[in-house]
Amino acid sequence: MKFKIILIMVLVVLFTIFVSQNTNVIPVNVFIWKFQMSTIVLMSITFFIGLLLGFIITSLYGSPKKREKTSKEI
């Protein structure tokens, strides 16, 4: 468990360094909308959407053994 926390902290620090080096404003086209956004904001939004989708998919389609274990505990 401690290894996971350290790994997550290292990844967050690396992500923060990577994002802070990309501060320029870029044009963003999403379907019919066109606007300008800082690269920091765009990468952060994309990162958190990916985390959220990963969490949702993992909780829906996770290992059957974990689902059985949690349903027995309830």
N, C-alpha and C. Protein backbone atom coordinates (compact mmCIF):
# COMPACT_ATOMS: atom_id res chain seq x y z
N MET A 1 0.82 -1.19 0.00
CA MET A 1 0.00 0.00 0.00
C MET A 1 0.87 1.26 0.00
N LYS A 2 1.94 1.23 0.77
CA LYS A 2 2.82 2.38 0.84
C LYS A 2 3.50 2.64 -0.52
N PHE A 3 3.80 1.55 -1.25
CA PHE A 3 4.41 1.68 -2.57
C PHE A 3 3.48 2.42 -3.53
N LYS A 4 2.18 2.10 -3.46
CA LYS A 4 1.21 2.77 -4.33
C LYS A 4 1.15 4.26 -4.06
N ILE A 5 1.16 4.63 -2.80
CA ILE A 5 1.10 6.05 -2.44
C ILE A 5 2.33 6.78 -2.94
N ILE A 6 3.49 6.20 -2.77
CA ILE A 6 4.73 6.82 -3.24
C ILE A 6 4.73 6.93 -4.75
N LEU A 7 4.28 5.88 -5.44
CA LEU A 7 4.21 5.91 -6.90
C LEU A 7 3.25 7.00 -7.39
N ILE A 8 2.11 7.12 -6.76
CA ILE A 8 1.14 8.15 -7.15
C ILE A 8 1.73 9.54 -6.91
N MET A 9 2.41 9.73 -5.79
CA MET A 9 3.02 11.03 -5.50
C MET A 9 4.09 11.38 -6.52
N VAL A 10 4.90 10.40 -6.92
CA VAL A 10 5.94 10.65 -7.92
C VAL A 10 5.30 11.00 -9.26
N LEU A 11 4.25 10.29 -9.64
CA LEU A 11 3.57 10.58 -10.91
C LEU A 11 2.93 11.96 -10.90
N VAL A 12 2.36 12.36 -9.78
CA VAL A 12 1.76 13.69 -9.68
C VAL A 12 2.83 14.77 -9.80
N VAL A 13 3.96 14.57 -9.17
CA VAL A 13 5.06 15.54 -9.27
C VAL A 13 5.57 15.63 -10.71
N LEU A 14 5.76 14.49 -11.36
CA LEU A 14 6.21 14.49 -12.76
C LEU A 14 5.19 15.17 -13.67
N PHE A 15 3.91 14.90 -13.44
CA PHE A 15 2.86 15.54 -14.23
C PHE A 15 2.87 17.05 -14.03
N THR A 16 3.05 17.47 -12.79
CA THR A 16 3.08 18.90 -12.48
C THR A 16 4.25 19.58 -13.17
N ILE A 17 5.41 18.96 -13.15
CA ILE A 17 6.58 19.52 -13.83
C ILE A 17 6.34 19.60 -15.34
N PHE A 18 5.79 18.53 -15.91
CA PHE A 18 5.51 18.50 -17.35
C PHE A 18 4.52 19.58 -17.75
N VAL A 19 3.47 19.72 -16.99
CA VAL A 19 2.43 20.70 -17.32
C VAL A 19 2.95 22.13 -17.14
N SER A 20 3.74 22.36 -16.11
CA SER A 20 4.22 23.72 -15.86
C SER A 20 5.19 24.21 -16.93
N GLN A 21 5.76 23.31 -17.70
CA GLN A 21 6.66 23.71 -18.78
C GLN A 21 5.90 24.07 -20.06
N ASN A 22 4.61 23.81 -20.09
CA ASN A 22 3.79 24.08 -21.28
C ASN A 22 2.74 25.12 -20.95
N THR A 23 3.15 26.39 -20.92
CA THR A 23 2.25 27.45 -20.49
C THR A 23 1.65 28.27 -21.62
N ASN A 24 1.98 27.96 -22.86
CA ASN A 24 1.50 28.78 -23.97
C ASN A 24 0.01 28.56 -24.23
N VAL A 25 -0.61 29.53 -24.89
CA VAL A 25 -2.03 29.47 -25.23
C VAL A 25 -2.16 28.88 -26.62
N ILE A 26 -3.08 27.93 -26.77
CA ILE A 26 -3.27 27.26 -28.05
C ILE A 26 -4.75 27.31 -28.46
N PRO A 27 -5.02 27.27 -29.75
CA PRO A 27 -6.42 27.20 -30.18
C PRO A 27 -6.95 25.77 -30.03
N VAL A 28 -8.19 25.66 -29.56
CA VAL A 28 -8.81 24.36 -29.34
C VAL A 28 -10.10 24.31 -30.16
N ASN A 29 -10.25 23.26 -30.95
CA ASN A 29 -11.46 23.05 -31.74
C ASN A 29 -12.18 21.79 -31.23
N VAL A 30 -13.38 21.97 -30.71
CA VAL A 30 -14.18 20.85 -30.24
C VAL A 30 -15.49 20.88 -31.01
N PHE A 31 -15.61 19.96 -31.94
CA PHE A 31 -16.77 19.88 -32.83
C PHE A 31 -17.00 21.23 -33.50
N ILE A 32 -18.00 22.00 -33.08
CA ILE A 32 -18.27 23.28 -33.74
C ILE A 32 -17.75 24.47 -32.95
N TRP A 33 -17.26 24.24 -31.74
CA TRP A 33 -16.76 25.32 -30.89
C TRP A 33 -15.27 25.54 -31.14
N LYS A 34 -14.89 26.81 -31.17
CA LYS A 34 -13.47 27.17 -31.30
C LYS A 34 -13.14 28.19 -30.23
N PHE A 35 -12.11 27.90 -29.46
CA PHE A 35 -11.68 28.82 -28.42
C PHE A 35 -10.21 28.62 -28.13
N GLN A 36 -9.63 29.53 -27.36
CA GLN A 36 -8.23 29.43 -26.99
C GLN A 36 -8.12 29.09 -25.51
N MET A 37 -7.14 28.26 -25.21
CA MET A 37 -6.99 27.78 -23.84
C MET A 37 -5.51 27.56 -23.56
N SER A 38 -5.14 27.75 -22.32
CA SER A 38 -3.77 27.48 -21.91
C SER A 38 -3.52 25.97 -21.96
N THR A 39 -2.33 25.59 -22.34
CA THR A 39 -1.98 24.17 -22.42
C THR A 39 -2.07 23.51 -21.05
N ILE A 40 -1.75 24.26 -19.99
CA ILE A 40 -1.84 23.72 -18.63
C ILE A 40 -3.26 23.29 -18.32
N VAL A 41 -4.21 24.16 -18.64
CA VAL A 41 -5.62 23.86 -18.36
C VAL A 41 -6.09 22.67 -19.19
N LEU A 42 -5.74 22.66 -20.47
CA LEU A 42 -6.16 21.58 -21.35
C LEU A 42 -5.62 20.23 -20.90
N MET A 43 -4.33 20.18 -20.56
CA MET A 43 -3.74 18.91 -20.10
C MET A 43 -4.31 18.48 -18.76
N SER A 44 -4.55 19.42 -17.88
CA SER A 44 -5.12 19.07 -16.57
C SER A 44 -6.53 18.51 -16.72
N ILE A 45 -7.34 19.15 -17.55
CA ILE A 45 -8.70 18.66 -17.79
C ILE A 45 -8.66 17.27 -18.40
N THR A 46 -7.81 17.07 -19.39
CA THR A 46 -7.69 15.77 -20.03
C THR A 46 -7.23 14.70 -19.05
N PHE A 47 -6.28 15.05 -18.19
CA PHE A 47 -5.77 14.12 -17.18
C PHE A 47 -6.88 13.69 -16.22
N PHE A 48 -7.63 14.65 -15.71
CA PHE A 48 -8.67 14.32 -14.74
C PHE A 48 -9.85 13.58 -15.37
N ILE A 49 -10.16 13.87 -16.62
CA ILE A 49 -11.19 13.10 -17.33
C ILE A 49 -10.72 11.65 -17.50
N GLY A 50 -9.45 11.47 -17.83
CA GLY A 50 -8.90 10.12 -17.95
C GLY A 50 -8.92 9.37 -16.64
N LEU A 51 -8.58 10.04 -15.54
CA LEU A 51 -8.65 9.41 -14.22
C LEU A 51 -10.08 8.99 -13.89
N LEU A 52 -11.02 9.90 -14.15
CA LEU A 52 -12.42 9.61 -13.86
C LEU A 52 -12.94 8.44 -14.69
N LEU A 53 -12.64 8.43 -15.98
CA LEU A 53 -13.07 7.33 -16.83
C LEU A 53 -12.41 6.01 -16.42
N GLY A 54 -11.15 6.06 -16.07
CA GLY A 54 -10.46 4.86 -15.61
C GLY A 54 -11.08 4.31 -14.34
N PHE A 55 -11.42 5.19 -13.41
CA PHE A 55 -12.05 4.77 -12.16
C PHE A 55 -13.42 4.15 -12.43
N ILE A 56 -14.20 4.79 -13.29
CA ILE A 56 -15.55 4.28 -13.61
C ILE A 56 -15.47 2.92 -14.29
N ILE A 57 -14.60 2.79 -15.29
CA ILE A 57 -14.48 1.53 -16.02
C ILE A 57 -13.97 0.43 -15.11
N THR A 58 -13.00 0.75 -14.25
CA THR A 58 -12.48 -0.24 -13.33
C THR A 58 -13.54 -0.70 -12.34
N SER A 59 -14.35 0.24 -11.85
CA SER A 59 -15.38 -0.14 -10.89
C SER A 59 -16.50 -0.94 -11.55
N LEU A 60 -16.78 -0.67 -12.82
CA LEU A 60 -17.84 -1.41 -13.51
C LEU A 60 -17.38 -2.78 -14.00
N TYR A 61 -16.17 -2.83 -14.54
CA TYR A 61 -15.69 -4.06 -15.15
C TYR A 61 -14.46 -4.63 -14.45
N GLY A 62 -14.34 -4.37 -13.16
CA GLY A 62 -13.20 -4.86 -12.39
C GLY A 62 -13.23 -6.37 -12.28
N SER A 63 -12.29 -6.93 -11.55
CA SER A 63 -12.21 -8.38 -11.44
C SER A 63 -13.44 -8.92 -10.71
N PRO A 64 -14.01 -10.03 -11.18
CA PRO A 64 -15.19 -10.61 -10.54
C PRO A 64 -14.93 -11.05 -9.10
N LYS A 65 -13.70 -11.43 -8.80
CA LYS A 65 -13.37 -11.85 -7.44
C LYS A 65 -13.54 -10.71 -6.45
N LYS A 66 -13.13 -9.50 -6.85
CA LYS A 66 -13.28 -8.35 -5.97
C LYS A 66 -14.76 -8.03 -5.76
N ARG A 67 -15.56 -8.12 -6.83
CA ARG A 67 -16.99 -7.83 -6.69
C ARG A 67 -17.66 -8.84 -5.78
N GLU A 68 -17.29 -10.13 -5.88
CA GLU A 68 -17.87 -11.14 -5.01
C GLU A 68 -17.46 -10.89 -3.57
N LYS A 69 -16.23 -10.52 -3.37
CA LYS A 69 -15.71 -10.29 -2.02
C LYS A 69 -16.44 -9.12 -1.36
N THR A 70 -16.64 -8.03 -2.10
CA THR A 70 -17.30 -6.86 -1.53
C THR A 70 -18.77 -7.14 -1.31
N SER A 71 -19.41 -7.93 -2.16
CA SER A 71 -20.84 -8.22 -1.97
C SER A 71 -21.06 -9.15 -0.78
N LYS A 72 -20.10 -10.02 -0.48
CA LYS A 72 -20.21 -10.90 0.67
C LYS A 72 -20.02 -10.14 1.98
N GLU A 73 -19.20 -9.08 1.94
CA GLU A 73 -18.94 -8.30 3.15
C GLU A 73 -20.14 -7.47 3.56
N ILE A 74 -20.97 -7.11 2.61
CA ILE A 74 -22.13 -6.26 2.90
C ILE A 74 -23.22 -7.05 3.51
